[in-house]
N, C-alpha and C. Protein backbone atom coordinates (compact mmCIF):
# COMPACT_ATOMS: atom_id res chain seq x y z
N UNK A 1 2.97 305.34 0.84
CA UNK A 1 3.05 303.93 1.16
C UNK A 1 3.39 303.78 2.65
N UNK A 2 2.60 302.98 3.33
CA UNK A 2 2.80 302.76 4.77
C UNK A 2 3.86 301.70 5.00
N UNK A 3 4.77 302.00 5.91
CA UNK A 3 5.79 301.03 6.29
C UNK A 3 5.25 300.23 7.47
N UNK A 4 5.29 298.89 7.38
CA UNK A 4 4.76 298.10 8.50
C UNK A 4 5.58 298.35 9.75
N UNK A 5 4.87 298.44 10.88
CA UNK A 5 5.55 298.67 12.15
C UNK A 5 6.23 297.39 12.61
N UNK A 6 7.45 297.55 13.09
CA UNK A 6 8.18 296.42 13.66
C UNK A 6 7.63 296.17 15.06
N UNK A 7 7.41 294.91 15.41
CA UNK A 7 6.96 294.65 16.78
C UNK A 7 8.07 295.02 17.76
N UNK A 8 7.66 295.52 18.90
CA UNK A 8 8.63 295.90 19.92
C UNK A 8 9.35 294.65 20.42
N UNK A 9 10.64 294.79 20.62
CA UNK A 9 11.41 293.68 21.15
C UNK A 9 10.98 293.40 22.59
N UNK A 10 10.92 292.15 22.94
CA UNK A 10 10.60 291.76 24.31
C UNK A 10 11.75 292.16 25.22
N UNK A 11 11.41 292.40 26.48
CA UNK A 11 12.39 292.88 27.45
C UNK A 11 12.88 291.75 28.35
N UNK A 12 14.20 291.64 28.45
CA UNK A 12 14.83 290.64 29.31
C UNK A 12 15.68 291.37 30.34
N UNK A 13 15.43 291.09 31.61
CA UNK A 13 16.22 291.67 32.69
C UNK A 13 17.15 290.61 33.23
N UNK A 14 18.44 290.94 33.29
CA UNK A 14 19.46 290.04 33.84
C UNK A 14 19.87 290.59 35.20
N UNK A 15 19.63 289.81 36.24
CA UNK A 15 20.03 290.21 37.60
C UNK A 15 21.15 289.27 38.02
N UNK A 16 22.37 289.83 38.06
CA UNK A 16 23.55 289.03 38.37
C UNK A 16 24.63 289.95 38.91
N UNK A 17 25.30 289.53 39.98
CA UNK A 17 26.36 290.37 40.56
C UNK A 17 27.66 290.27 39.79
N UNK A 18 27.77 289.35 38.85
CA UNK A 18 28.97 289.17 38.04
C UNK A 18 28.81 289.92 36.72
N UNK A 19 29.55 291.01 36.57
CA UNK A 19 29.41 291.84 35.36
C UNK A 19 29.83 291.08 34.10
N UNK A 20 30.76 290.13 34.22
CA UNK A 20 31.16 289.32 33.07
C UNK A 20 29.99 288.45 32.61
N UNK A 21 29.27 287.86 33.54
CA UNK A 21 28.10 287.05 33.20
C UNK A 21 27.02 287.92 32.56
N UNK A 22 26.82 289.13 33.11
CA UNK A 22 25.85 290.06 32.53
C UNK A 22 26.18 290.35 31.07
N UNK A 23 27.44 290.67 30.81
CA UNK A 23 27.86 291.00 29.43
C UNK A 23 27.72 289.79 28.52
N UNK A 24 28.06 288.62 29.01
CA UNK A 24 27.97 287.41 28.21
C UNK A 24 26.52 287.15 27.80
N UNK A 25 25.61 287.25 28.76
CA UNK A 25 24.20 287.03 28.45
C UNK A 25 23.68 288.11 27.51
N UNK A 26 24.04 289.36 27.79
CA UNK A 26 23.63 290.47 26.92
C UNK A 26 24.07 290.21 25.49
N UNK A 27 25.33 289.84 25.30
CA UNK A 27 25.85 289.59 23.95
C UNK A 27 25.15 288.41 23.28
N UNK A 28 24.72 287.44 24.08
CA UNK A 28 24.07 286.25 23.51
C UNK A 28 22.67 286.55 22.98
N UNK A 29 21.98 287.52 23.60
CA UNK A 29 20.55 287.70 23.23
C UNK A 29 20.19 289.10 22.75
N UNK A 30 21.11 290.05 22.76
CA UNK A 30 20.74 291.44 22.47
C UNK A 30 20.26 291.66 21.04
N UNK A 31 20.56 290.76 20.12
CA UNK A 31 20.05 290.91 18.75
C UNK A 31 18.55 290.61 18.66
N UNK A 32 18.02 289.91 19.66
CA UNK A 32 16.62 289.49 19.61
C UNK A 32 15.75 290.14 20.68
N UNK A 33 16.38 290.70 21.72
CA UNK A 33 15.63 291.23 22.85
C UNK A 33 16.26 292.53 23.36
N UNK A 34 15.44 293.36 24.00
CA UNK A 34 15.98 294.48 24.76
C UNK A 34 16.51 293.90 26.06
N UNK A 35 17.72 294.28 26.44
CA UNK A 35 18.33 293.70 27.63
C UNK A 35 18.73 294.81 28.59
N UNK A 36 18.34 294.65 29.85
CA UNK A 36 18.77 295.53 30.94
C UNK A 36 19.41 294.64 31.99
N UNK A 37 20.28 295.24 32.81
CA UNK A 37 20.95 294.47 33.84
C UNK A 37 20.84 295.16 35.19
N UNK A 38 21.00 294.34 36.23
CA UNK A 38 21.08 294.84 37.61
C UNK A 38 22.12 293.98 38.32
N UNK A 39 22.87 294.61 39.22
CA UNK A 39 23.98 293.93 39.87
C UNK A 39 23.68 293.29 41.21
N UNK A 40 22.49 293.49 41.73
CA UNK A 40 22.13 292.85 43.00
C UNK A 40 20.61 292.72 43.09
N UNK A 41 20.17 292.00 44.10
CA UNK A 41 18.74 291.71 44.24
C UNK A 41 17.87 292.94 44.40
N UNK A 42 18.28 293.87 45.27
CA UNK A 42 17.44 295.05 45.52
C UNK A 42 17.33 295.94 44.28
N UNK A 43 18.46 296.17 43.59
CA UNK A 43 18.37 297.00 42.37
C UNK A 43 17.62 296.26 41.27
N UNK A 44 17.71 294.93 41.28
CA UNK A 44 16.94 294.15 40.31
C UNK A 44 15.45 294.28 40.53
N UNK A 45 15.02 294.23 41.79
CA UNK A 45 13.60 294.39 42.10
C UNK A 45 13.13 295.79 41.69
N UNK A 46 13.93 296.80 41.98
CA UNK A 46 13.57 298.17 41.56
C UNK A 46 13.45 298.26 40.05
N UNK A 47 14.38 297.64 39.34
CA UNK A 47 14.37 297.67 37.87
C UNK A 47 13.14 296.96 37.32
N UNK A 48 12.68 295.91 37.98
CA UNK A 48 11.48 295.21 37.53
C UNK A 48 10.29 296.16 37.53
N UNK A 49 10.14 296.95 38.60
CA UNK A 49 9.00 297.87 38.69
C UNK A 49 9.15 299.04 37.72
N UNK A 50 10.37 299.50 37.48
CA UNK A 50 10.60 300.61 36.55
C UNK A 50 10.43 300.18 35.10
N UNK A 51 11.03 299.06 34.75
CA UNK A 51 11.20 298.67 33.36
C UNK A 51 10.18 297.66 32.87
N UNK A 52 9.56 296.92 33.77
CA UNK A 52 8.53 295.93 33.44
C UNK A 52 9.00 294.91 32.38
N UNK A 53 9.96 294.06 32.76
CA UNK A 53 10.48 293.08 31.80
C UNK A 53 9.47 291.98 31.50
N UNK A 54 9.69 291.31 30.36
CA UNK A 54 8.85 290.18 29.98
C UNK A 54 9.37 288.87 30.55
N UNK A 55 10.66 288.82 30.85
CA UNK A 55 11.28 287.64 31.46
C UNK A 55 12.51 288.10 32.24
N UNK A 56 12.85 287.35 33.29
CA UNK A 56 13.99 287.70 34.15
C UNK A 56 14.94 286.52 34.19
N UNK A 57 16.23 286.79 33.95
CA UNK A 57 17.30 285.81 34.17
C UNK A 57 17.94 286.20 35.49
N UNK A 58 17.89 285.30 36.47
CA UNK A 58 18.24 285.65 37.84
C UNK A 58 19.32 284.73 38.39
N UNK A 59 20.45 285.32 38.79
CA UNK A 59 21.52 284.57 39.43
C UNK A 59 21.04 284.15 40.82
N UNK A 60 21.34 282.94 41.20
CA UNK A 60 20.91 282.44 42.50
C UNK A 60 21.82 282.96 43.60
N UNK A 61 23.12 282.91 43.37
CA UNK A 61 24.09 283.24 44.40
C UNK A 61 24.59 284.68 44.25
N UNK A 62 24.01 285.57 45.05
CA UNK A 62 24.40 286.98 45.05
C UNK A 62 24.53 287.44 46.50
N UNK A 63 25.40 288.43 46.73
CA UNK A 63 25.45 289.00 48.08
C UNK A 63 24.18 289.79 48.37
N UNK A 64 23.87 289.97 49.63
CA UNK A 64 22.61 290.65 49.99
C UNK A 64 21.48 289.68 49.74
N UNK A 65 20.47 290.12 49.00
CA UNK A 65 19.35 289.24 48.67
C UNK A 65 19.81 288.23 47.61
N UNK A 66 19.68 286.95 47.92
CA UNK A 66 20.03 285.96 46.91
C UNK A 66 18.87 285.80 45.92
N UNK A 67 19.08 285.00 44.91
CA UNK A 67 18.07 284.82 43.88
C UNK A 67 16.76 284.25 44.38
N UNK A 68 16.85 283.33 45.36
CA UNK A 68 15.62 282.76 45.91
C UNK A 68 14.77 283.83 46.59
N UNK A 69 15.42 284.70 47.36
CA UNK A 69 14.70 285.77 48.06
C UNK A 69 14.08 286.76 47.06
N UNK A 70 14.83 287.08 46.01
CA UNK A 70 14.30 287.98 44.97
C UNK A 70 13.09 287.34 44.30
N UNK A 71 13.21 286.07 43.96
CA UNK A 71 12.11 285.36 43.30
C UNK A 71 10.88 285.33 44.20
N UNK A 72 11.06 284.99 45.46
CA UNK A 72 9.93 284.95 46.40
C UNK A 72 9.24 286.29 46.50
N UNK A 73 10.04 287.37 46.56
CA UNK A 73 9.45 288.71 46.67
C UNK A 73 8.67 289.06 45.40
N UNK A 74 9.23 288.76 44.24
CA UNK A 74 8.55 289.08 42.99
C UNK A 74 7.29 288.23 42.79
N UNK A 75 7.35 286.98 43.17
CA UNK A 75 6.19 286.09 43.00
C UNK A 75 5.08 286.39 44.01
N UNK A 76 5.40 287.08 45.09
CA UNK A 76 4.37 287.41 46.08
C UNK A 76 3.61 288.68 45.72
N UNK A 77 4.10 289.47 44.79
CA UNK A 77 3.42 290.70 44.39
C UNK A 77 2.53 290.49 43.19
N UNK A 78 1.33 291.05 43.23
CA UNK A 78 0.40 290.85 42.11
C UNK A 78 0.88 291.50 40.82
N UNK A 79 1.65 292.58 40.93
CA UNK A 79 2.13 293.27 39.73
C UNK A 79 3.28 292.53 39.06
N UNK A 80 3.94 291.62 39.78
CA UNK A 80 5.13 290.96 39.25
C UNK A 80 5.06 289.43 39.24
N UNK A 81 4.01 288.87 39.80
CA UNK A 81 3.95 287.42 39.95
C UNK A 81 3.88 286.67 38.62
N UNK A 82 3.44 287.33 37.57
CA UNK A 82 3.28 286.68 36.27
C UNK A 82 4.57 286.62 35.45
N UNK A 83 5.60 287.35 35.84
CA UNK A 83 6.83 287.43 35.04
C UNK A 83 7.62 286.12 35.19
N UNK A 84 7.94 285.46 34.07
CA UNK A 84 8.73 284.23 34.16
C UNK A 84 10.14 284.53 34.66
N UNK A 85 10.62 283.70 35.59
CA UNK A 85 11.97 283.85 36.14
C UNK A 85 12.75 282.58 35.83
N UNK A 86 13.89 282.77 35.17
CA UNK A 86 14.80 281.67 34.86
C UNK A 86 16.03 281.85 35.74
N UNK A 87 16.31 280.85 36.57
CA UNK A 87 17.49 280.91 37.42
C UNK A 87 18.74 280.56 36.63
N UNK A 88 19.84 281.24 36.96
CA UNK A 88 21.15 280.95 36.38
C UNK A 88 22.05 280.55 37.55
N UNK A 89 22.64 279.37 37.45
CA UNK A 89 23.43 278.87 38.59
C UNK A 89 24.55 277.98 38.10
N UNK A 90 25.69 278.07 38.78
CA UNK A 90 26.84 277.26 38.40
C UNK A 90 26.61 275.78 38.67
N UNK A 91 26.27 275.43 39.88
CA UNK A 91 26.05 274.04 40.24
C UNK A 91 24.58 273.88 40.63
N UNK A 92 23.90 273.04 39.88
CA UNK A 92 22.48 272.86 40.13
C UNK A 92 22.26 271.47 40.72
N UNK A 93 21.83 271.43 41.96
CA UNK A 93 21.47 270.16 42.58
C UNK A 93 19.96 269.99 42.45
N UNK A 94 19.52 268.77 42.67
CA UNK A 94 18.09 268.49 42.61
C UNK A 94 17.34 269.33 43.64
N UNK A 95 17.93 269.48 44.84
CA UNK A 95 17.30 270.26 45.89
C UNK A 95 17.16 271.73 45.47
N UNK A 96 18.22 272.26 44.83
CA UNK A 96 18.17 273.65 44.35
C UNK A 96 17.06 273.84 43.32
N UNK A 97 16.99 272.90 42.39
CA UNK A 97 15.94 272.98 41.36
C UNK A 97 14.55 272.94 41.98
N UNK A 98 14.34 271.98 42.88
CA UNK A 98 13.03 271.85 43.52
C UNK A 98 12.67 273.12 44.29
N UNK A 99 13.63 273.66 45.03
CA UNK A 99 13.36 274.89 45.78
C UNK A 99 12.97 276.02 44.83
N UNK A 100 13.73 276.16 43.76
CA UNK A 100 13.43 277.22 42.78
C UNK A 100 12.06 277.07 42.16
N UNK A 101 11.71 275.85 41.77
CA UNK A 101 10.40 275.63 41.16
C UNK A 101 9.28 275.85 42.17
N UNK A 102 9.51 275.47 43.43
CA UNK A 102 8.50 275.67 44.47
C UNK A 102 8.20 277.15 44.71
N UNK A 103 9.21 278.00 44.57
CA UNK A 103 8.97 279.43 44.81
C UNK A 103 8.60 280.20 43.56
N UNK A 104 8.55 279.52 42.41
CA UNK A 104 8.01 280.18 41.22
C UNK A 104 8.90 280.29 40.01
N UNK A 105 10.13 279.79 40.05
CA UNK A 105 10.98 279.83 38.86
C UNK A 105 10.38 278.90 37.80
N UNK A 106 10.63 279.22 36.54
CA UNK A 106 10.09 278.40 35.46
C UNK A 106 11.15 277.54 34.80
N UNK A 107 12.44 277.86 35.04
CA UNK A 107 13.51 277.11 34.39
C UNK A 107 14.84 277.43 35.06
N UNK A 108 15.84 276.62 34.73
CA UNK A 108 17.21 276.82 35.19
C UNK A 108 18.13 276.80 33.98
N UNK A 109 19.18 277.62 34.03
CA UNK A 109 20.25 277.56 33.04
C UNK A 109 21.54 277.37 33.84
N UNK A 110 22.30 276.35 33.46
CA UNK A 110 23.54 276.05 34.18
C UNK A 110 24.71 276.84 33.60
N UNK A 111 25.58 277.30 34.50
CA UNK A 111 26.85 277.88 34.08
C UNK A 111 27.81 276.74 33.79
N UNK A 112 28.71 276.82 32.85
CA UNK A 112 28.91 277.95 31.95
C UNK A 112 27.76 278.05 30.96
N UNK A 113 27.41 279.28 30.65
CA UNK A 113 26.24 279.58 29.82
C UNK A 113 26.56 279.35 28.35
N UNK A 114 25.64 278.70 27.67
CA UNK A 114 25.74 278.48 26.24
C UNK A 114 24.77 279.44 25.55
N UNK A 115 25.26 280.34 24.67
CA UNK A 115 24.34 281.29 24.01
C UNK A 115 23.13 280.64 23.34
N UNK A 116 23.28 279.54 22.58
CA UNK A 116 22.07 278.94 21.99
C UNK A 116 21.07 278.46 23.03
N UNK A 117 21.57 277.95 24.16
CA UNK A 117 20.67 277.49 25.22
C UNK A 117 19.92 278.66 25.83
N UNK A 118 20.63 279.76 26.10
CA UNK A 118 19.98 280.95 26.66
C UNK A 118 18.90 281.45 25.70
N UNK A 119 19.22 281.57 24.43
CA UNK A 119 18.24 282.03 23.44
C UNK A 119 17.02 281.11 23.42
N UNK A 120 17.25 279.81 23.41
CA UNK A 120 16.15 278.85 23.33
C UNK A 120 15.27 278.90 24.57
N UNK A 121 15.89 278.99 25.73
CA UNK A 121 15.11 279.01 26.97
C UNK A 121 14.29 280.29 27.09
N UNK A 122 14.90 281.43 26.75
CA UNK A 122 14.18 282.70 26.80
C UNK A 122 13.03 282.69 25.80
N UNK A 123 13.30 282.22 24.60
CA UNK A 123 12.26 282.16 23.56
C UNK A 123 11.09 281.28 24.00
N UNK A 124 11.40 280.11 24.56
CA UNK A 124 10.36 279.19 25.02
C UNK A 124 9.51 279.81 26.12
N UNK A 125 10.16 280.43 27.12
CA UNK A 125 9.41 281.02 28.23
C UNK A 125 8.57 282.20 27.78
N UNK A 126 9.08 282.98 26.84
CA UNK A 126 8.29 284.10 26.32
C UNK A 126 7.08 283.59 25.53
N UNK A 127 7.25 282.52 24.79
CA UNK A 127 6.13 281.95 24.04
C UNK A 127 5.05 281.45 25.00
N UNK A 128 5.46 280.77 26.06
CA UNK A 128 4.50 280.30 27.07
C UNK A 128 3.81 281.47 27.76
N UNK A 129 4.58 282.48 28.09
CA UNK A 129 4.05 283.69 28.74
C UNK A 129 3.01 284.36 27.84
N UNK A 130 3.31 284.47 26.56
CA UNK A 130 2.37 285.09 25.62
C UNK A 130 1.10 284.24 25.47
N UNK A 131 1.25 282.92 25.45
CA UNK A 131 0.08 282.05 25.37
C UNK A 131 -0.79 282.21 26.61
N UNK A 132 -0.17 282.28 27.77
CA UNK A 132 -0.93 282.47 29.01
C UNK A 132 -1.67 283.80 29.02
N UNK A 133 -1.00 284.86 28.55
CA UNK A 133 -1.68 286.16 28.49
C UNK A 133 -2.87 286.11 27.55
N UNK A 134 -2.71 285.44 26.41
CA UNK A 134 -3.80 285.34 25.45
C UNK A 134 -4.95 284.52 26.04
N UNK A 135 -4.63 283.43 26.71
CA UNK A 135 -5.68 282.63 27.36
C UNK A 135 -6.40 283.43 28.44
N UNK A 136 -5.66 284.19 29.23
CA UNK A 136 -6.28 285.04 30.25
C UNK A 136 -7.21 286.06 29.61
N UNK A 137 -6.78 286.64 28.50
CA UNK A 137 -7.61 287.62 27.79
C UNK A 137 -8.90 286.97 27.30
N UNK A 138 -8.79 285.76 26.73
CA UNK A 138 -9.97 285.07 26.22
C UNK A 138 -10.91 284.67 27.35
N UNK A 139 -10.36 284.21 28.47
CA UNK A 139 -11.20 283.86 29.62
C UNK A 139 -11.94 285.09 30.12
N UNK A 140 -11.23 286.21 30.23
CA UNK A 140 -11.86 287.46 30.68
C UNK A 140 -12.98 287.87 29.71
N UNK A 141 -12.70 287.77 28.42
CA UNK A 141 -13.68 288.14 27.40
C UNK A 141 -14.92 287.23 27.49
N UNK A 142 -14.73 285.93 27.62
CA UNK A 142 -15.85 284.99 27.71
C UNK A 142 -16.63 285.19 29.01
N UNK A 143 -15.92 285.47 30.10
CA UNK A 143 -16.59 285.72 31.38
C UNK A 143 -17.48 286.94 31.28
N UNK A 144 -16.99 287.98 30.62
CA UNK A 144 -17.79 289.19 30.43
C UNK A 144 -19.02 288.89 29.57
N UNK A 145 -18.84 288.11 28.51
CA UNK A 145 -19.96 287.75 27.64
C UNK A 145 -21.02 286.97 28.43
N UNK A 146 -20.59 286.02 29.24
CA UNK A 146 -21.52 285.24 30.06
C UNK A 146 -22.26 286.15 31.04
N UNK A 147 -21.52 287.05 31.68
CA UNK A 147 -22.14 287.99 32.62
C UNK A 147 -23.18 288.86 31.92
N UNK A 148 -22.82 289.40 30.76
CA UNK A 148 -23.75 290.25 30.01
C UNK A 148 -25.00 289.47 29.58
N UNK A 149 -24.80 288.23 29.15
CA UNK A 149 -25.93 287.39 28.73
C UNK A 149 -26.86 287.11 29.91
N UNK A 150 -26.29 286.79 31.05
CA UNK A 150 -27.12 286.54 32.25
C UNK A 150 -27.91 287.78 32.64
N UNK A 151 -27.28 288.92 32.56
CA UNK A 151 -27.97 290.18 32.88
C UNK A 151 -29.14 290.40 31.94
N UNK A 152 -28.94 290.15 30.64
CA UNK A 152 -30.02 290.31 29.67
C UNK A 152 -31.17 289.34 29.97
N UNK A 153 -30.84 288.13 30.33
CA UNK A 153 -31.88 287.13 30.65
C UNK A 153 -32.69 287.60 31.86
N UNK A 154 -32.01 288.07 32.89
CA UNK A 154 -32.70 288.55 34.09
C UNK A 154 -33.61 289.73 33.74
N UNK A 155 -33.11 290.66 32.93
CA UNK A 155 -33.91 291.82 32.54
C UNK A 155 -35.14 291.38 31.74
N UNK A 156 -34.99 290.43 30.85
CA UNK A 156 -36.11 289.97 30.03
C UNK A 156 -37.12 289.20 30.87
N UNK A 157 -36.63 288.42 31.82
CA UNK A 157 -37.55 287.72 32.72
C UNK A 157 -38.33 288.72 33.56
N UNK A 158 -37.67 289.79 33.98
CA UNK A 158 -38.35 290.84 34.74
C UNK A 158 -39.44 291.50 33.92
N UNK A 159 -39.12 291.79 32.64
CA UNK A 159 -40.14 292.39 31.77
C UNK A 159 -41.31 291.43 31.53
N UNK A 160 -40.99 290.16 31.34
CA UNK A 160 -42.05 289.17 31.14
C UNK A 160 -42.95 289.07 32.35
N UNK A 161 -42.37 289.14 33.54
CA UNK A 161 -43.16 289.08 34.77
C UNK A 161 -44.05 290.30 34.90
N UNK A 162 -43.57 291.46 34.45
CA UNK A 162 -44.38 292.69 34.51
C UNK A 162 -45.62 292.59 33.63
N UNK A 163 -45.50 291.95 32.48
CA UNK A 163 -46.63 291.82 31.56
C UNK A 163 -47.71 290.91 32.09
N UNK A 164 -47.34 289.95 32.93
CA UNK A 164 -48.33 289.03 33.48
C UNK A 164 -49.07 289.77 34.56
């Protein structure tokens, strides 16, 4: 008797210089997701390339590279631009939100963090991310079908011209 395979848990990377915040977020979502952490922007960027997370929870205020700089760098790379980034910030002003959205963040979570809110936001962003990947796959598939059909038409027109 075959045992059905469990789907792999989605990967969530938490980039935050506050180890207490890292642990809090990990405890809130670790039953539903694989969770990795990084303590600063540079190690977070390295972890993104090593671990390939499905979503990133990113603290805005960190020493060294802040969250905005990390987000800009990740969104500028073709290998990482598709990963949803959710900013985590204590005080969120309208200007902060606008700046984050302009550089590619998909959502904000305000401190103090509420576990149900974190779970809901991560779940929502992963669902959107999966829908986008599926749509991209379908567009690619349809584009290939159209290309193949056009090629067949051209070949058949060429053969028809040869017969005349």
